[in-house]
C-alpha atoms as a PDB file:
ATOM      1  CA  MET A   1    -100.207  62.047 123.615  1.00  0.00           C
ATOM      2  CA  ALA A   2     -98.129  64.947 122.426  1.00  0.00           C
ATOM      3  CA  PHE A   3     -95.935  64.206 119.467  1.00  0.00           C
ATOM      4  CA  ARG A   4     -92.773  66.325 118.997  1.00  0.00           C
ATOM      5  CA  ASN A   5     -93.100  66.830 115.524  1.00  0.00           C
ATOM      6  CA  GLU A   6     -97.046  67.462 115.324  1.00  0.00           C
ATOM      7  CA  ALA A   7     -96.901  70.943 114.012  1.00  0.00           C
ATOM      8  CA  ALA A   8     -94.649  69.985 110.991  1.00  0.00           C
ATOM      9  CA  PHE A   9     -96.766  66.776 110.274  1.00  0.00           C
ATOM     10  CA  ASN A  10    -100.066  68.886 110.367  1.00  0.00           C
ATOM     11  CA  LYS A  11     -98.771  71.093 107.645  1.00  0.00           C
ATOM     12  CA  PRO A  12    -100.343  70.105 104.074  1.00  0.00           C
ATOM     13  CA  SER A  13     -97.076  70.457 102.642  1.00  0.00           C
ATOM     14  CA  SER A  14     -95.906  67.380 104.733  1.00  0.00           C
ATOM     15  CA  ARG A  15     -98.433  64.900 103.161  1.00  0.00           C
ATOM     16  CA  MET A  16     -97.701  66.337  99.575  1.00  0.00           C
ATOM     17  CA  MET A  17     -94.056  65.822 100.232  1.00  0.00           C
ATOM     18  CA  ALA A  18     -94.659  62.048 101.308  1.00  0.00           C
ATOM     19  CA  GLU A  19     -96.655  61.628  98.102  1.00  0.00           C
ATOM     20  CA  GLY A  20     -93.396  62.736  96.176  1.00  0.00           C
ATOM     21  CA  MET A  21     -94.496  66.280  95.095  1.00  0.00           C
ATOM     22  CA  ASP A  22     -91.702  68.319  94.264  1.00  0.00           C
ATOM     23  CA  LEU A  23     -93.128  71.772  95.903  1.00  0.00           C
ATOM     24  CA  ARG A  24     -90.519  74.193  94.243  1.00  0.00           C
ATOM     25  CA  THR A  25     -92.488  76.522  92.181  1.00  0.00           C
ATOM     26  CA  SER A  26     -89.759  76.532  89.610  1.00  0.00           C
ATOM     27  CA  LYS A  27     -90.626  73.036  88.969  1.00  0.00           C
ATOM     28  CA  ALA A  28     -94.568  73.399  89.065  1.00  0.00           C
ATOM     29  CA  ILE A  29     -96.887  73.484  86.213  1.00  0.00           C
ATOM     30  CA  VAL A  30     -98.180  77.052  86.212  1.00  0.00           C
ATOM     31  CA  ASP A  31    -100.796  79.119  84.284  1.00  0.00           C
ATOM     32  CA  PRO A  32     -99.768  82.161  82.138  1.00  0.00           C
ATOM     33  CA  ARG A  33    -100.179  84.259  85.253  1.00  0.00           C
ATOM     34  CA  GLY A  34     -97.815  81.994  87.390  1.00  0.00           C
ATOM     35  CA  ASN A  35    -100.335  80.448  89.387  1.00  0.00           C
ATOM     36  CA  VAL A  36     -99.474  76.997  90.445  1.00  0.00           C
ATOM     37  CA  LEU A  37    -101.854  74.321  88.738  1.00  0.00           C
ATOM     38  CA  ALA A  38    -100.013  71.325  89.669  1.00  0.00           C
ATOM     39  CA  TYR A  39     -96.577  69.927  91.217  1.00  0.00           C
ATOM     40  CA  ALA A  40     -94.435  67.538  89.605  1.00  0.00           C
ATOM     41  CA  GLN A  41     -94.490  64.252  91.345  1.00  0.00           C
ATOM     42  CA  THR A  42     -91.243  62.377  91.319  1.00  0.00           C
ATOM     43  CA  GLY A  43     -91.877  59.073  93.629  1.00  0.00           C
ATOM     44  CA  GLY A  44     -92.828  59.209  97.208  1.00  0.00           C
ATOM     45  CA  ILE A  45     -95.269  56.832  98.692  1.00  0.00           C
ATOM     46  CA  ILE A  46     -98.723  55.704  97.684  1.00  0.00           C
ATOM     47  CA  ALA A  47    -101.780  56.739  99.758  1.00  0.00           C
ATOM     48  CA  PRO A  48     -99.753  57.818 102.802  1.00  0.00           C
ATOM     49  CA  MET A  49    -101.369  56.905 106.288  1.00  0.00           C
ATOM     50  CA  ARG A  50    -100.838  58.619 109.505  1.00  0.00           C
ATOM     51  CA  PHE A  51     -98.623  56.416 111.568  1.00  0.00           C
ATOM     52  CA  GLU A  52     -97.510  56.855 115.489  1.00  0.00           C
ATOM     53  CA  ILE A  53     -93.800  56.024 116.209  1.00  0.00           C
ATOM     54  CA  ALA A  54     -93.315  55.225 119.815  1.00  0.00           C
ATOM     55  CA  PRO A  55     -90.268  56.045 121.939  1.00  0.00           C
ATOM     56  CA  GLY A  56     -87.973  53.270 121.700  1.00  0.00           C
ATOM     57  CA  THR A  57     -88.648  52.297 118.178  1.00  0.00           C
ATOM     58  CA  THR A  58     -85.844  51.339 116.043  1.00  0.00           C
ATOM     59  CA  LEU A  59     -85.508  53.226 112.658  1.00  0.00           C
ATOM     60  CA  PHE A  60     -83.167  52.881 109.476  1.00  0.00           C
ATOM     61  CA  ARG A  61     -82.100  55.522 107.066  1.00  0.00           C
ATOM     62  CA  PHE A  62     -79.677  55.302 104.193  1.00  0.00           C
ATOM     63  CA  GLY A  63     -77.829  58.520 102.980  1.00  0.00           C
ATOM     64  CA  ASN A  64     -74.792  59.905 101.477  1.00  0.00           C
ATOM     65  CA  ILE A  65     -71.629  59.609 103.900  1.00  0.00           C
ATOM     66  CA  THR A  66     -70.076  62.793 102.652  1.00  0.00           C
ATOM     67  CA  ALA A  67     -73.064  64.512 104.209  1.00  0.00           C
ATOM     68  CA  GLY A  68     -72.128  63.347 107.630  1.00  0.00           C
ATOM     69  CA  VAL A  69     -74.324  61.240 109.938  1.00  0.00           C
ATOM     70  CA  HIS A  70     -76.245  64.163 111.671  1.00  0.00           C
ATOM     71  CA  ARG A  71     -77.084  65.593 108.583  1.00  0.00           C
ATOM     72  CA  VAL A  72     -78.327  62.502 107.221  1.00  0.00           C
ATOM     73  CA  ALA A  73     -80.267  61.551 110.347  1.00  0.00           C
ATOM     74  CA  GLY A  74     -82.066  64.867 109.998  1.00  0.00           C
ATOM     75  CA  GLY A  75     -83.627  63.660 106.834  1.00  0.00           C
ATOM     76  CA  ALA A  76     -87.217  62.454 106.618  1.00  0.00           C
ATOM     77  CA  TRP A  77     -87.366  59.258 104.831  1.00  0.00           C
ATOM     78  CA  TRP A  78     -86.825  56.076 107.158  1.00  0.00           C
ATOM     79  CA  MET A  79     -87.890  52.655 107.494  1.00  0.00           C
ATOM     80  CA  GLU A  80     -88.947  50.624 110.668  1.00  0.00           C
ATOM     81  CA  GLN A  81     -86.933  47.564 111.602  1.00  0.00           C
ATOM     82  CA  ALA A  82     -89.345  44.835 110.142  1.00  0.00           C
ATOM     83  CA  ALA A  83     -89.073  46.649 106.765  1.00  0.00           C
ATOM     84  CA  PHE A  84     -85.299  46.858 106.964  1.00  0.00           C
ATOM     85  CA  GLU A  85     -85.194  43.065 107.751  1.00  0.00           C
ATOM     86  CA  LYS A  86     -87.193  42.444 104.686  1.00  0.00           C
ATOM     87  CA  LEU A  87     -84.873  44.684 102.561  1.00  0.00           C
ATOM     88  CA  PHE A  88     -81.912  42.670 104.166  1.00  0.00           C
ATOM     89  CA  ASN A  89     -83.056  39.507 103.556  1.00  0.00           C
ATOM     90  CA  PHE A  90     -84.184  40.354  99.868  1.00  0.00           C
ATOM     91  CA  ALA A  91     -80.195  41.410  99.665  1.00  0.00           C
ATOM     92  CA  GLN A  92     -79.101  37.927 100.850  1.00  0.00           C
ATOM     93  CA  VAL A  93     -81.710  35.909  98.805  1.00  0.00           C
ATOM     94  CA  HIS A  94     -80.707  37.514  95.584  1.00  0.00           C
ATOM     95  CA  ASP A  95     -77.054  38.053  96.341  1.00  0.00           C
ATOM     96  CA  LEU A  96     -77.149  41.928  96.131  1.00  0.00           C
ATOM     97  CA  SER A  97     -75.646  44.579  98.500  1.00  0.00           C
ATOM     98  CA  VAL A  98     -77.982  46.169 100.875  1.00  0.00           C
ATOM     99  CA  GLY A  99     -77.641  49.535  98.675  1.00  0.00           C
ATOM    100  CA  VAL A 100     -78.846  47.894  95.562  1.00  0.00           C
ATOM    101  CA  ALA A 101     -81.688  46.053  97.508  1.00  0.00           C
ATOM    102  CA  LEU A 102     -82.750  49.703  98.811  1.00  0.00           C
ATOM    103  CA  ARG A 103     -82.903  50.844  95.218  1.00  0.00           C
ATOM    104  CA  TYR A 104     -85.144  48.028  94.001  1.00  0.00           C
ATOM    105  CA  LEU A 105     -87.600  47.732  96.945  1.00  0.00           C
ATOM    106  CA  CYS A 106     -87.701  51.588  97.908  1.00  0.00           C
ATOM    107  CA  LEU A 107     -87.125  52.938  94.668  1.00  0.00           C
ATOM    108  CA  VAL A 108     -84.200  55.018  95.214  1.00  0.00           C
ATOM    109  CA  PRO A 109     -82.226  55.816  91.909  1.00  0.00           C
ATOM    110  CA  PRO A 110     -78.569  56.709  92.149  1.00  0.00           C
ATOM    111  CA  GLU A 111     -79.606  60.251  91.169  1.00  0.00           C
ATOM    112  CA  TRP A 112     -81.185  60.759  94.685  1.00  0.00           C
ATOM    113  CA  SER A 113     -78.523  59.024  96.922  1.00  0.00           C
ATOM    114  CA  ASP A 114     -75.349  57.192  96.496  1.00  0.00           C
ATOM    115  CA  ALA A 115     -76.561  55.019  99.469  1.00  0.00           C
ATOM    116  CA  THR A 116     -73.061  55.009 101.087  1.00  0.00           C
ATOM    117  CA  LEU A 117     -74.210  55.450 104.794  1.00  0.00           C
ATOM    118  CA  LEU A 118     -76.726  53.375 106.895  1.00  0.00           C
ATOM    119  CA  ILE A 119     -77.804  54.695 110.050  1.00  0.00           C
ATOM    120  CA  ARG A 120     -79.696  52.843 112.889  1.00  0.00           C
ATOM    121  CA  ALA A 121     -81.380  55.113 115.282  1.00  0.00           C
ATOM    122  CA  ARG A 122     -83.887  54.942 118.304  1.00  0.00           C
ATOM    123  CA  ALA A 123     -86.885  57.436 118.747  1.00  0.00           C
ATOM    124  CA  VAL A 124     -86.522  59.105 122.115  1.00  0.00           C
ATOM    125  CA  ALA A 125     -90.046  60.789 121.831  1.00  0.00           C
ATOM    126  CA  PRO A 126     -93.368  60.185 120.304  1.00  0.00           C
ATOM    127  CA  LEU A 127     -93.380  61.005 116.414  1.00  0.00           C
ATOM    128  CA  LEU A 128     -95.698  61.095 113.661  1.00  0.00           C
ATOM    129  CA  ALA A 129     -95.014  59.889 110.382  1.00  0.00           C
ATOM    130  CA  TRP A 130     -96.676  59.211 106.863  1.00  0.00           C
ATOM    131  CA  ARG A 131     -96.269  55.546 106.107  1.00  0.00           C
ATOM    132  CA  GLY A 132     -96.923  53.665 102.721  1.00  0.00           C
ATOM    133  CA  LEU A 133     -95.581  51.731  99.909  1.00  0.00           C
ATOM    134  CA  ALA A 134     -93.185  53.110  97.321  1.00  0.00           C
ATOM    135  CA  ASN A 135     -94.795  54.987  94.125  1.00  0.00           C
ATOM    136  CA  SER A 136     -93.227  54.917  90.726  1.00  0.00           C
ATOM    137  CA  VAL A 137     -90.213  57.163  90.295  1.00  0.00           C
ATOM    138  CA  VAL A 138     -89.953  59.451  87.429  1.00  0.00           C
ATOM    139  CA  THR A 139     -86.573  61.835  87.746  1.00  0.00           C
ATOM    140  CA  LYS A 140     -84.160  63.419  85.305  1.00  0.00           C
ATOM    141  CA  ALA A 141     -80.997  61.372  84.858  1.00  0.00           C
ATOM    142  CA  GLY A 142     -77.850  62.340  86.710  1.00  0.00           C
ATOM    143  CA  ASP A 143     -75.792  62.344  83.602  1.00  0.00           C
ATOM    144  CA  GLY A 144     -78.245  64.398  81.193  1.00  0.00           C
ATOM    145  CA  GLY A 145     -79.428  61.151  79.655  1.00  0.00           C
ATOM    146  CA  PRO A 146     -82.999  60.091  79.337  1.00  0.00           C
ATOM    147  CA  VAL A 147     -85.631  60.582  82.114  1.00  0.00           C
ATOM    148  CA  VAL A 148     -85.135  57.631  84.643  1.00  0.00           C
ATOM    149  CA  ARG A 149     -88.234  55.425  85.452  1.00  0.00           C
ATOM    150  CA  MET A 150     -88.685  53.061  87.900  1.00  0.00           C
ATOM    151  CA  PRO A 151     -92.101  51.347  88.133  1.00  0.00           C
ATOM    152  CA  GLN A 152     -93.390  50.231  91.576  1.00  0.00           C
ATOM    153  CA  GLN A 153     -93.840  46.626  91.922  1.00  0.00           C
ATOM    154  CA  ASN A 154     -95.953  46.410  95.111  1.00  0.00           C
ATOM    155  CA  GLU A 155     -98.161  43.785  93.653  1.00  0.00           C
ATOM    156  CA  ILE A 156     -95.248  41.514  94.482  1.00  0.00           C
ATOM    157  CA  ALA A 157     -95.135  40.638  98.018  1.00  0.00           C
ATOM    158  CA  ALA A 158     -91.527  39.999  98.367  1.00  0.00           C
ATOM    159  CA  ARG A 159     -90.917  43.647  97.249  1.00  0.00           C
ATOM    160  CA  ARG A 160     -93.590  45.347  99.076  1.00  0.00           C
ATOM    161  CA  VAL A 161     -91.745  47.610 101.891  1.00  0.00           C
ATOM    162  CA  HIS A 162     -93.442  50.131 103.768  1.00  0.00           C
ATOM    163  CA  GLN A 163     -91.548  53.496 104.194  1.00  0.00           C
ATOM    164  CA  LEU A 164     -91.822  56.381 106.449  1.00  0.00           C
ATOM    165  CA  PHE A 165     -91.820  59.953 105.993  1.00  0.00           C
ATOM    166  CA  ILE A 166     -91.062  61.899 109.227  1.00  0.00           C
ATOM    167  CA  PRO A 167     -91.316  65.645 108.784  1.00  0.00           C
ATOM    168  CA  GLY A 168     -90.000  68.079 111.341  1.00  0.00           C
ATOM    169  CA  LEU A 169     -87.112  65.978 112.763  1.00  0.00           C
ATOM    170  CA  ASP A 170     -84.294  67.447 114.766  1.00  0.00           C
ATOM    171  CA  GLY A 171     -81.596  66.271 116.642  1.00  0.00           C
ATOM    172  CA  SER A 172     -83.368  65.904 119.867  1.00  0.00           C
ATOM    173  CA  VAL A 173     -85.983  63.133 118.788  1.00  0.00           C
ATOM    174  CA  LEU A 174     -83.683  60.427 117.557  1.00  0.00           C
ATOM    175  CA  SER A 175     -80.700  58.823 119.334  1.00  0.00           C
ATOM    176  CA  ILE A 176     -78.289  57.397 116.695  1.00  0.00           C
ATOM    177  CA  GLU A 177     -77.164  54.033 117.896  1.00  0.00           C
ATOM    178  CA  GLN A 178     -74.914  53.032 114.933  1.00  0.00           C
ATOM    179  CA  ASP A 179     -73.785  54.053 111.619  1.00  0.00           C
ATOM    180  CA  TYR A 180     -72.494  51.926 108.924  1.00  0.00           C
ATOM    181  CA  PRO A 181     -70.268  53.106 105.712  1.00  0.00           C
ATOM    182  CA  LEU A 182     -71.433  51.325 102.517  1.00  0.00           C
ATOM    183  CA  ASP A 183     -69.298  51.126  99.460  1.00  0.00           C
ATOM    184  CA  LYS A 184     -70.471  53.526  96.697  1.00  0.00           C
ATOM    185  CA  GLU A 185     -69.609  50.982  93.821  1.00  0.00           C
ATOM    186  CA  SER A 186     -71.566  48.111  95.710  1.00  0.00           C
ATOM    187  CA  SER A 187     -74.490  50.161  96.195  1.00  0.00           C
ATOM    188  CA  ARG A 188     -74.796  50.608  92.275  1.00  0.00           C
ATOM    189  CA  ARG A 189     -73.214  47.204  90.919  1.00  0.00           C
ATOM    190  CA  GLY A 190     -76.038  45.337  89.132  1.00  0.00           C
ATOM    191  CA  PHE A 191     -78.693  47.885  89.370  1.00  0.00           C
ATOM    192  CA  LEU A 192     -80.550  48.320  86.224  1.00  0.00           C
ATOM    193  CA  TYR A 193     -83.442  50.787  85.411  1.00  0.00           C
ATOM    194  CA  LEU A 194     -86.231  48.681  84.113  1.00  0.00           C
END
């Protein structure tokens, strides 16, 4: 089977990005000659596994509404319908907004996304993705405060949600079915850094 994003998926950098590595040289640990020794890891997924997405598969993605639906849809981080349903149920059971549930289960701090847009799309061609559970997040606070730390909690079954990292997306491989604006304040209200 021919996958539309196979060339992007096969690049070693795609797995590294799925693991949450920041591949910018300016953020890397380098030796005195400027050779990269290690890249900073700021989240991502644990032990990414190759995953095939069949045409017709429903996918969900959160993003920033000011970026626009098509630009958000071009991003790499998605979730399958079963994962989204688990996230939605978690929000209902704990009386949280969907945006806050995203933050807790997928480990998305406000510094990365304001979670003001939810997109439902359908794959129109076979795709490859990296699939795995959220890894702990360590990133700079948006307000210049202390470092943000969000430990993964995958040992708790109710909080275990598989995420997809789909490299090489373009406008021809997904059909956007619906977009839902989300309230910015609701996507932060009650969120605590633990």
